[in-house]
Amino acid sequence: MRIENNKIDGRLGIVRVDSEGNQVRETHSFSDGPVADSLGADVTVLARIESGDFAGQIVGLREKNVSAFAFHEGIHDDFVIECVGWKNQR
C-alpha cells in the first residue's frame, strides 16, 4: 500500500463501515491527514471521504488484525465499541 501524508485538511464527511458491515455517515476533523491507495488484495477499506475535493480518498482500512484511520478527532464511544467487536470476530 502507499500512504500519502499531509493530503487532507478540514472537517469532512466520511462513510465508514461498522463492525456489522453497515455504512455509517459521520463528520471528522483532519489536520494534514494521510490517505491510502495502491492497496493490497487483503486490505479492507473501512472509511472514505464522502464528497467534495477529497471524495473517495481512503482514510480507514484494515488488514487482518490491524486497523488504521487518518482522522483523530470525533472518535466516540460507539466507534471504540465497534473496534472491540472487530477484535472479537477474529
PDB file of N, CA and C in Angstrom:
ATOM      1  N   MET A   1       0.846  -1.175   0.000  1.00  0.00           N
ATOM      2  CA  MET A   1       0.000   0.000   0.000  1.00  0.00           C
ATOM      3  C   MET A   1       0.883   1.226   0.000  1.00  0.00           C
ATOM      4  N   ARG A   2       0.313   2.317  -0.432  1.00  0.00           N
ATOM      5  CA  ARG A   2       1.032   3.589  -0.421  1.00  0.00           C
ATOM      6  C   ARG A   2       0.242   4.564   0.442  1.00  0.00           C
ATOM      7  N   ILE A   3       0.943   5.287   1.292  1.00  0.00           N
ATOM      8  CA  ILE A   3       0.337   6.318   2.141  1.00  0.00           C
ATOM      9  C   ILE A   3       0.869   7.664   1.700  1.00  0.00           C
ATOM     10  N   GLU A   4      -0.041   8.596   1.477  1.00  0.00           N
ATOM     11  CA  GLU A   4       0.355   9.956   1.108  1.00  0.00           C
ATOM     12  C   GLU A   4       0.034  10.865   2.297  1.00  0.00           C
ATOM     13  N   ASN A   5       1.059  11.376   2.937  1.00  0.00           N
ATOM     14  CA  ASN A   5       0.893  12.229   4.115  1.00  0.00           C
ATOM     15  C   ASN A   5       0.494  13.648   3.729  1.00  0.00           C
ATOM     16  N   ASN A   6      -0.074  14.363   4.708  1.00  0.00           N
ATOM     17  CA  ASN A   6      -0.420  15.780   4.556  1.00  0.00           C
ATOM     18  C   ASN A   6      -1.312  16.041   3.348  1.00  0.00           C
ATOM     19  N   LYS A   7      -2.272  15.148   3.115  1.00  0.00           N
ATOM     20  CA  LYS A   7      -3.112  15.232   1.919  1.00  0.00           C
ATOM     21  C   LYS A   7      -4.432  15.963   2.166  1.00  0.00           C
ATOM     22  N   ILE A   8      -5.061  15.764   3.318  1.00  0.00           N
ATOM     23  CA  ILE A   8      -6.398  16.311   3.533  1.00  0.00           C
ATOM     24  C   ILE A   8      -6.466  17.150   4.804  1.00  0.00           C
ATOM     25  N   ASP A   9      -7.267  18.195   4.723  1.00  0.00           N
ATOM     26  CA  ASP A   9      -7.498  19.092   5.861  1.00  0.00           C
ATOM     27  C   ASP A   9      -8.964  19.463   5.917  1.00  0.00           C
ATOM     28  N   GLY A  10      -9.430  19.678   7.132  1.00  0.00           N
ATOM     29  CA  GLY A  10     -10.767  20.209   7.317  1.00  0.00           C
ATOM     30  C   GLY A  10     -11.689  19.247   8.024  1.00  0.00           C
ATOM     31  N   ARG A  11     -12.895  19.718   8.209  1.00  0.00           N
ATOM     32  CA  ARG A  11     -13.952  18.907   8.819  1.00  0.00           C
ATOM     33  C   ARG A  11     -14.735  18.308   7.653  1.00  0.00           C
ATOM     34  N   LEU A  12     -14.625  16.989   7.479  1.00  0.00           N
ATOM     35  CA  LEU A  12     -15.141  16.336   6.281  1.00  0.00           C
ATOM     36  C   LEU A  12     -16.099  15.206   6.623  1.00  0.00           C
ATOM     37  N   GLY A  13     -17.060  14.998   5.746  1.00  0.00           N
ATOM     38  CA  GLY A  13     -17.970  13.878   5.887  1.00  0.00           C
ATOM     39  C   GLY A  13     -17.311  12.607   5.391  1.00  0.00           C
ATOM     40  N   ILE A  14     -17.470  11.547   6.165  1.00  0.00           N
ATOM     41  CA  ILE A  14     -16.932  10.258   5.752  1.00  0.00           C
ATOM     42  C   ILE A  14     -18.044   9.212   5.772  1.00  0.00           C
ATOM     43  N   VAL A  15     -17.819   8.148   5.053  1.00  0.00           N
ATOM     44  CA  VAL A  15     -18.637   6.951   5.147  1.00  0.00           C
ATOM     45  C   VAL A  15     -17.704   5.860   5.639  1.00  0.00           C
ATOM     46  N   ARG A  16     -18.066   5.237   6.750  1.00  0.00           N
ATOM     47  CA  ARG A  16     -17.244   4.152   7.266  1.00  0.00           C
ATOM     48  C   ARG A  16     -18.107   2.917   7.451  1.00  0.00           C
ATOM     49  N   VAL A  17     -17.454   1.790   7.567  1.00  0.00           N
ATOM     50  CA  VAL A  17     -18.128   0.513   7.769  1.00  0.00           C
ATOM     51  C   VAL A  17     -18.039   0.153   9.243  1.00  0.00           C
ATOM     52  N   ASP A  18     -19.191  -0.166   9.851  1.00  0.00           N
ATOM     53  CA  ASP A  18     -19.151  -0.562  11.256  1.00  0.00           C
ATOM     54  C   ASP A  18     -18.852  -2.055  11.372  1.00  0.00           C
ATOM     55  N   SER A  19     -18.779  -2.561  12.590  1.00  0.00           N
ATOM     56  CA  SER A  19     -18.372  -3.950  12.820  1.00  0.00           C
ATOM     57  C   SER A  19     -19.382  -4.963  12.282  1.00  0.00           C
ATOM     58  N   GLU A  20     -20.597  -4.506  11.950  1.00  0.00           N
ATOM     59  CA  GLU A  20     -21.607  -5.400  11.370  1.00  0.00           C
ATOM     60  C   GLU A  20     -21.705  -5.251   9.859  1.00  0.00           C
ATOM     61  N   GLY A  21     -20.844  -4.417   9.274  1.00  0.00           N
ATOM     62  CA  GLY A  21     -20.839  -4.241   7.824  1.00  0.00           C
ATOM     63  C   GLY A  21     -21.762  -3.148   7.317  1.00  0.00           C
ATOM     64  N   ASN A  22     -22.373  -2.391   8.214  1.00  0.00           N
ATOM     65  CA  ASN A  22     -23.262  -1.292   7.821  1.00  0.00           C
ATOM     66  C   ASN A  22     -22.464  -0.032   7.514  1.00  0.00           C
ATOM     67  N   GLN A  23     -22.947   0.758   6.555  1.00  0.00           N
ATOM     68  CA  GLN A  23     -22.314   2.051   6.277  1.00  0.00           C
ATOM     69  C   GLN A  23     -22.839   3.090   7.251  1.00  0.00           C
ATOM     70  N   VAL A  24     -21.914   3.837   7.848  1.00  0.00           N
ATOM     71  CA  VAL A  24     -22.245   4.875   8.811  1.00  0.00           C
ATOM     72  C   VAL A  24     -21.675   6.191   8.283  1.00  0.00           C
ATOM     73  N   ARG A  25     -22.490   7.244   8.258  1.00  0.00           N
ATOM     74  CA  ARG A  25     -22.015   8.556   7.823  1.00  0.00           C
ATOM     75  C   ARG A  25     -21.711   9.402   9.056  1.00  0.00           C
ATOM     76  N   GLU A  26     -20.525   9.998   9.048  1.00  0.00           N
ATOM     77  CA  GLU A  26     -20.064  10.814  10.168  1.00  0.00           C
ATOM     78  C   GLU A  26     -19.280  11.999   9.626  1.00  0.00           C
ATOM     79  N   THR A  27     -18.951  12.900  10.522  1.00  0.00           N
ATOM     80  CA  THR A  27     -18.074  14.018  10.198  1.00  0.00           C
ATOM     81  C   THR A  27     -16.886  13.962  11.139  1.00  0.00           C
ATOM     82  N   HIS A  28     -15.685  14.097  10.573  1.00  0.00           N
ATOM     83  CA  HIS A  28     -14.469  14.064  11.375  1.00  0.00           C
ATOM     84  C   HIS A  28     -13.538  15.177  10.935  1.00  0.00           C
ATOM     85  N   SER A  29     -12.671  15.582  11.842  1.00  0.00           N
ATOM     86  CA  SER A  29     -11.682  16.611  11.544  1.00  0.00           C
ATOM     87  C   SER A  29     -10.362  15.964  11.144  1.00  0.00           C
ATOM     88  N   PHE A  30      -9.737  16.565  10.148  1.00  0.00           N
ATOM     89  CA  PHE A  30      -8.447  16.102   9.661  1.00  0.00           C
ATOM     90  C   PHE A  30      -7.491  17.288   9.673  1.00  0.00           C
ATOM     91  N   SER A  31      -6.267  17.059  10.074  1.00  0.00           N
ATOM     92  CA  SER A  31      -5.244  18.090  10.041  1.00  0.00           C
ATOM     93  C   SER A  31      -4.014  17.486   9.378  1.00  0.00           C
ATOM     94  N   ASP A  32      -3.777  17.889   8.139  1.00  0.00           N
ATOM     95  CA  ASP A  32      -2.690  17.298   7.353  1.00  0.00           C
ATOM     96  C   ASP A  32      -2.784  15.772   7.380  1.00  0.00           C
ATOM     97  N   GLY A  33      -3.998  15.274   7.193  1.00  0.00           N
ATOM     98  CA  GLY A  33      -4.243  13.842   7.290  1.00  0.00           C
ATOM     99  C   GLY A  33      -3.711  13.047   6.113  1.00  0.00           C
ATOM    100  N   PRO A  34      -3.309  11.811   6.379  1.00  0.00           N
ATOM    101  CA  PRO A  34      -2.843  10.932   5.312  1.00  0.00           C
ATOM    102  C   PRO A  34      -4.006  10.228   4.626  1.00  0.00           C
ATOM    103  N   VAL A  35      -3.773   9.763   3.411  1.00  0.00           N
ATOM    104  CA  VAL A  35      -4.713   8.910   2.697  1.00  0.00           C
ATOM    105  C   VAL A  35      -3.936   7.703   2.178  1.00  0.00           C
ATOM    106  N   ALA A  36      -4.656   6.643   1.888  1.00  0.00           N
ATOM    107  CA  ALA A  36      -4.027   5.408   1.418  1.00  0.00           C
ATOM    108  C   ALA A  36      -4.519   5.088   0.014  1.00  0.00           C
ATOM    109  N   ASP A  37      -3.642   4.490  -0.788  1.00  0.00           N
ATOM    110  CA  ASP A  37      -4.042   3.949  -2.083  1.00  0.00           C
ATOM    111  C   ASP A  37      -3.108   2.804  -2.447  1.00  0.00           C
ATOM    112  N   SER A  38      -3.277   2.267  -3.613  1.00  0.00           N
ATOM    113  CA  SER A  38      -2.487   1.104  -4.050  1.00  0.00           C
ATOM    114  C   SER A  38      -2.550  -0.008  -3.006  1.00  0.00           C
ATOM    115  N   LEU A  39      -3.765  -0.328  -2.579  1.00  0.00           N
ATOM    116  CA  LEU A  39      -3.956  -1.303  -1.515  1.00  0.00           C
ATOM    117  C   LEU A  39      -3.710  -2.722  -2.006  1.00  0.00           C
ATOM    118  N   GLY A  40      -3.242  -3.567  -1.094  1.00  0.00           N
ATOM    119  CA  GLY A  40      -3.067  -4.974  -1.395  1.00  0.00           C
ATOM    120  C   GLY A  40      -4.403  -5.699  -1.417  1.00  0.00           C
ATOM    121  N   ALA A  41      -4.392  -6.920  -1.884  1.00  0.00           N
ATOM    122  CA  ALA A  41      -5.614  -7.710  -2.041  1.00  0.00           C
ATOM    123  C   ALA A  41      -6.291  -8.028  -0.707  1.00  0.00           C
ATOM    124  N   ASP A  42      -5.531  -8.093   0.378  1.00  0.00           N
ATOM    125  CA  ASP A  42      -6.094  -8.460   1.678  1.00  0.00           C
ATOM    126  C   ASP A  42      -6.566  -7.273   2.507  1.00  0.00           C
ATOM    127  N   VAL A  43      -6.519  -6.081   1.952  1.00  0.00           N
ATOM    128  CA  VAL A  43      -6.897  -4.875   2.685  1.00  0.00           C
ATOM    129  C   VAL A  43      -8.380  -4.586   2.489  1.00  0.00           C
ATOM    130  N   THR A  44      -9.063  -4.315   3.598  1.00  0.00           N
ATOM    131  CA  THR A  44     -10.473  -3.928   3.576  1.00  0.00           C
ATOM    132  C   THR A  44     -10.570  -2.438   3.844  1.00  0.00           C
ATOM    133  N   VAL A  45     -11.260  -1.699   2.981  1.00  0.00           N
ATOM    134  CA  VAL A  45     -11.470  -0.270   3.187  1.00  0.00           C
ATOM    135  C   VAL A  45     -12.585  -0.102   4.213  1.00  0.00           C
ATOM    136  N   LEU A  46     -12.294   0.649   5.273  1.00  0.00           N
ATOM    137  CA  LEU A  46     -13.260   0.878   6.341  1.00  0.00           C
ATOM    138  C   LEU A  46     -13.840   2.279   6.332  1.00  0.00           C
ATOM    139  N   ALA A  47     -13.154   3.251   5.718  1.00  0.00           N
ATOM    140  CA  ALA A  47     -13.660   4.624   5.707  1.00  0.00           C
ATOM    141  C   ALA A  47     -13.120   5.378   4.502  1.00  0.00           C
ATOM    142  N   ARG A  48     -14.017   6.162   3.877  1.00  0.00           N
ATOM    143  CA  ARG A  48     -13.673   7.014   2.734  1.00  0.00           C
ATOM    144  C   ARG A  48     -14.300   8.390   2.941  1.00  0.00           C
ATOM    145  N   ILE A  49     -13.657   9.399   2.348  1.00  0.00           N
ATOM    146  CA  ILE A  49     -14.275  10.730   2.314  1.00  0.00           C
ATOM    147  C   ILE A  49     -15.483  10.636   1.395  1.00  0.00           C
ATOM    148  N   GLU A  50     -16.608  11.198   1.828  1.00  0.00           N
ATOM    149  CA  GLU A  50     -17.863  11.028   1.095  1.00  0.00           C
ATOM    150  C   GLU A  50     -17.999  11.935  -0.117  1.00  0.00           C
ATOM    151  N   SER A  51     -17.603  13.200   0.001  1.00  0.00           N
ATOM    152  CA  SER A  51     -17.839  14.122  -1.121  1.00  0.00           C
ATOM    153  C   SER A  51     -16.844  15.277  -1.062  1.00  0.00           C
ATOM    154  N   GLY A  52     -16.944  16.164  -2.034  1.00  0.00           N
ATOM    155  CA  GLY A  52     -16.086  17.345  -2.071  1.00  0.00           C
ATOM    156  C   GLY A  52     -14.762  17.076  -2.754  1.00  0.00           C
ATOM    157  N   ASP A  53     -13.812  17.954  -2.497  1.00  0.00           N
ATOM    158  CA  ASP A  53     -12.500  17.876  -3.153  1.00  0.00           C
ATOM    159  C   ASP A  53     -11.759  16.573  -2.865  1.00  0.00           C
ATOM    160  N   PHE A  54     -12.035  15.956  -1.739  1.00  0.00           N
ATOM    161  CA  PHE A  54     -11.314  14.744  -1.348  1.00  0.00           C
ATOM    162  C   PHE A  54     -12.168  13.481  -1.493  1.00  0.00           C
ATOM    163  N   ALA A  55     -13.281  13.571  -2.189  1.00  0.00           N
ATOM    164  CA  ALA A  55     -14.209  12.442  -2.321  1.00  0.00           C
ATOM    165  C   ALA A  55     -13.487  11.181  -2.777  1.00  0.00           C
ATOM    166  N   GLY A  56     -13.795  10.101  -2.089  1.00  0.00           N
ATOM    167  CA  GLY A  56     -13.247   8.806  -2.435  1.00  0.00           C
ATOM    168  C   GLY A  56     -11.913   8.480  -1.793  1.00  0.00           C
ATOM    169  N   GLN A  57     -11.264   9.470  -1.186  1.00  0.00           N
ATOM    170  CA  GLN A  57      -9.974   9.207  -0.547  1.00  0.00           C
ATOM    171  C   GLN A  57     -10.162   8.243   0.626  1.00  0.00           C
ATOM    172  N   ILE A  58      -9.284   7.271   0.734  1.00  0.00           N
ATOM    173  CA  ILE A  58      -9.374   6.252   1.777  1.00  0.00           C
ATOM    174  C   ILE A  58      -8.717   6.775   3.053  1.00  0.00           C
ATOM    175  N   VAL A  59      -9.497   6.779   4.142  1.00  0.00           N
ATOM    176  CA  VAL A  59      -8.999   7.278   5.427  1.00  0.00           C
ATOM    177  C   VAL A  59      -9.136   6.256   6.550  1.00  0.00           C
ATOM    178  N   GLY A  60      -9.531   5.050   6.217  1.00  0.00           N
ATOM    179  CA  GLY A  60      -9.608   3.969   7.192  1.00  0.00           C
ATOM    180  C   GLY A  60      -9.494   2.631   6.493  1.00  0.00           C
ATOM    181  N   LEU A  61      -8.703   1.739   7.067  1.00  0.00           N
ATOM    182  CA  LEU A  61      -8.529   0.423   6.441  1.00  0.00           C
ATOM    183  C   LEU A  61      -8.150  -0.609   7.482  1.00  0.00           C
ATOM    184  N   ARG A  62      -8.265  -1.866   7.052  1.00  0.00           N
ATOM    185  CA  ARG A  62      -7.895  -2.972   7.937  1.00  0.00           C
ATOM    186  C   ARG A  62      -7.243  -4.057   7.092  1.00  0.00           C
ATOM    187  N   GLU A  63      -6.181  -4.626   7.631  1.00  0.00           N
ATOM    188  CA  GLU A  63      -5.580  -5.820   7.053  1.00  0.00           C
ATOM    189  C   GLU A  63      -5.366  -6.808   8.189  1.00  0.00           C
ATOM    190  N   LYS A  64      -6.027  -7.943   8.089  1.00  0.00           N
ATOM    191  CA  LYS A  64      -6.017  -8.970   9.137  1.00  0.00           C
ATOM    192  C   LYS A  64      -6.437  -8.344  10.458  1.00  0.00           C
ATOM    193  N   ASN A  65      -5.576  -8.271  11.454  1.00  0.00           N
ATOM    194  CA  ASN A  65      -5.984  -7.742  12.761  1.00  0.00           C
ATOM    195  C   ASN A  65      -5.447  -6.342  13.041  1.00  0.00           C
ATOM    196  N   VAL A  66      -5.029  -5.628  11.984  1.00  0.00           N
ATOM    197  CA  VAL A  66      -4.508  -4.269  12.157  1.00  0.00           C
ATOM    198  C   VAL A  66      -5.426  -3.289  11.425  1.00  0.00           C
ATOM    199  N   SER A  67      -5.881  -2.266  12.148  1.00  0.00           N
ATOM    200  CA  SER A  67      -6.708  -1.209  11.558  1.00  0.00           C
ATOM    201  C   SER A  67      -5.963   0.113  11.644  1.00  0.00           C
ATOM    202  N   ALA A  68      -6.181   0.974  10.658  1.00  0.00           N
ATOM    203  CA  ALA A  68      -5.547   2.299  10.642  1.00  0.00           C
ATOM    204  C   ALA A  68      -6.556   3.319  10.155  1.00  0.00           C
ATOM    205  N   PHE A  69      -6.605   4.462  10.840  1.00  0.00           N
ATOM    206  CA  PHE A  69      -7.525   5.538  10.486  1.00  0.00           C
ATOM    207  C   PHE A  69      -6.785   6.860  10.481  1.00  0.00           C
ATOM    208  N   ALA A  70      -7.140   7.742   9.535  1.00  0.00           N
ATOM    209  CA  ALA A  70      -6.483   9.035   9.418  1.00  0.00           C
ATOM    210  C   ALA A  70      -7.076  10.079  10.350  1.00  0.00           C
ATOM    211  N   PHE A  71      -8.346   9.986  10.672  1.00  0.00           N
ATOM    212  CA  PHE A  71      -8.949  11.035  11.487  1.00  0.00           C
ATOM    213  C   PHE A  71      -8.597  10.863  12.942  1.00  0.00           C
ATOM    214  N   HIS A  72      -8.493  11.971  13.635  1.00  0.00           N
ATOM    215  CA  HIS A  72      -8.051  11.890  15.033  1.00  0.00           C
ATOM    216  C   HIS A  72      -9.007  12.561  15.991  1.00  0.00           C
ATOM    217  N   GLU A  73      -9.977  13.292  15.486  1.00  0.00           N
ATOM    218  CA  GLU A  73     -10.972  13.907  16.365  1.00  0.00           C
ATOM    219  C   GLU A  73     -12.320  13.248  16.107  1.00  0.00           C
ATOM    220  N   GLY A  74     -13.180  13.279  17.086  1.00  0.00           N
ATOM    221  CA  GLY A  74     -14.528  12.767  16.897  1.00  0.00           C
ATOM    222  C   GLY A  74     -14.662  11.276  17.143  1.00  0.00           C
ATOM    223  N   ILE A  75     -13.588  10.615  17.569  1.00  0.00           N
ATOM    224  CA  ILE A  75     -13.721   9.207  17.900  1.00  0.00           C
ATOM    225  C   ILE A  75     -14.625   9.133  19.136  1.00  0.00           C
ATOM    226  N   HIS A  76     -15.686   8.387  19.016  1.00  0.00           N
ATOM    227  CA  HIS A  76     -16.657   8.358  20.103  1.00  0.00           C
ATOM    228  C   HIS A  76     -16.770   6.944  20.667  1.00  0.00           C
ATOM    229  N   ASP A  77     -17.494   6.814  21.754  1.00  0.00           N
ATOM    230  CA  ASP A  77     -17.612   5.538  22.462  1.00  0.00           C
ATOM    231  C   ASP A  77     -18.125   4.417  21.567  1.00  0.00           C
ATOM    232  N   ASP A  78     -19.148   4.706  20.734  1.00  0.00           N
ATOM    233  CA  ASP A  78     -19.706   3.664  19.878  1.00  0.00           C
ATOM    234  C   ASP A  78     -18.658   3.120  18.917  1.00  0.00           C
ATOM    235  N   PHE A  79     -17.807   3.989  18.396  1.00  0.00           N
ATOM    236  CA  PHE A  79     -16.778   3.554  17.469  1.00  0.00           C
ATOM    237  C   PHE A  79     -15.747   2.662  18.175  1.00  0.00           C
ATOM    238  N   VAL A  80     -15.363   3.025  19.380  1.00  0.00           N
ATOM    239  CA  VAL A  80     -14.421   2.202  20.146  1.00  0.00           C
ATOM    240  C   VAL A  80     -15.040   0.830  20.427  1.00  0.00           C
ATOM    241  N   ILE A  81     -16.318   0.803  20.758  1.00  0.00           N
ATOM    242  CA  ILE A  81     -17.010  -0.471  20.979  1.00  0.00           C
ATOM    243  C   ILE A  81     -16.982  -1.319  19.710  1.00  0.00           C
ATOM    244  N   GLU A  82     -17.164  -0.684  18.551  1.00  0.00           N
ATOM    245  CA  GLU A  82     -17.099  -1.422  17.291  1.00  0.00           C
ATOM    246  C   GLU A  82     -15.710  -2.002  17.067  1.00  0.00           C
ATOM    247  N   CYS A  83     -14.680  -1.269  17.420  1.00  0.00           N
ATOM    248  CA  CYS A  83     -13.313  -1.798  17.278  1.00  0.00           C
ATOM    249  C   CYS A  83     -13.138  -3.052  18.115  1.00  0.00           C
ATOM    250  N   VAL A  84     -13.688  -3.049  19.315  1.00  0.00           N
ATOM    251  CA  VAL A  84     -13.638  -4.243  20.161  1.00  0.00           C
ATOM    252  C   VAL A  84     -14.418  -5.372  19.495  1.00  0.00           C
ATOM    253  N   GLY A  85     -15.548  -5.032  18.869  1.00  0.00           N
ATOM    254  CA  GLY A  85     -16.338  -6.039  18.157  1.00  0.00           C
ATOM    255  C   GLY A  85     -15.548  -6.673  17.028  1.00  0.00           C
ATOM    256  N   TRP A  86     -14.805  -5.858  16.266  1.00  0.00           N
ATOM    257  CA  TRP A  86     -13.965  -6.413  15.187  1.00  0.00           C
ATOM    258  C   TRP A  86     -12.946  -7.380  15.769  1.00  0.00           C
ATOM    259  N   LYS A  87     -12.340  -6.966  16.886  1.00  0.00           N
ATOM    260  CA  LYS A  87     -11.322  -7.825  17.507  1.00  0.00           C
ATOM    261  C   LYS A  87     -11.936  -9.156  17.920  1.00  0.00           C
ATOM    262  N   ASN A  88     -13.132  -9.117  18.488  1.00  0.00           N
ATOM    263  CA  ASN A  88     -13.767 -10.338  18.970  1.00  0.00           C
ATOM    264  C   ASN A  88     -14.220 -11.253  17.843  1.00  0.00           C
ATOM    265  N   GLN A  89     -14.352 -10.716  16.621  1.00  0.00           N
ATOM    266  CA  GLN A  89     -14.748 -11.538  15.475  1.00  0.00           C
ATOM    267  C   GLN A  89     -13.582 -12.355  14.943  1.00  0.00           C
ATOM    268  N   ARG A  90     -12.396 -12.057  15.354  1.00  0.00           N
ATOM    269  CA  ARG A  90     -11.198 -12.731  14.817  1.00  0.00           C
ATOM    270  C   ARG A  90     -10.853 -13.964  15.621  1.00  0.00           C
TER     271      ARG A  90
END
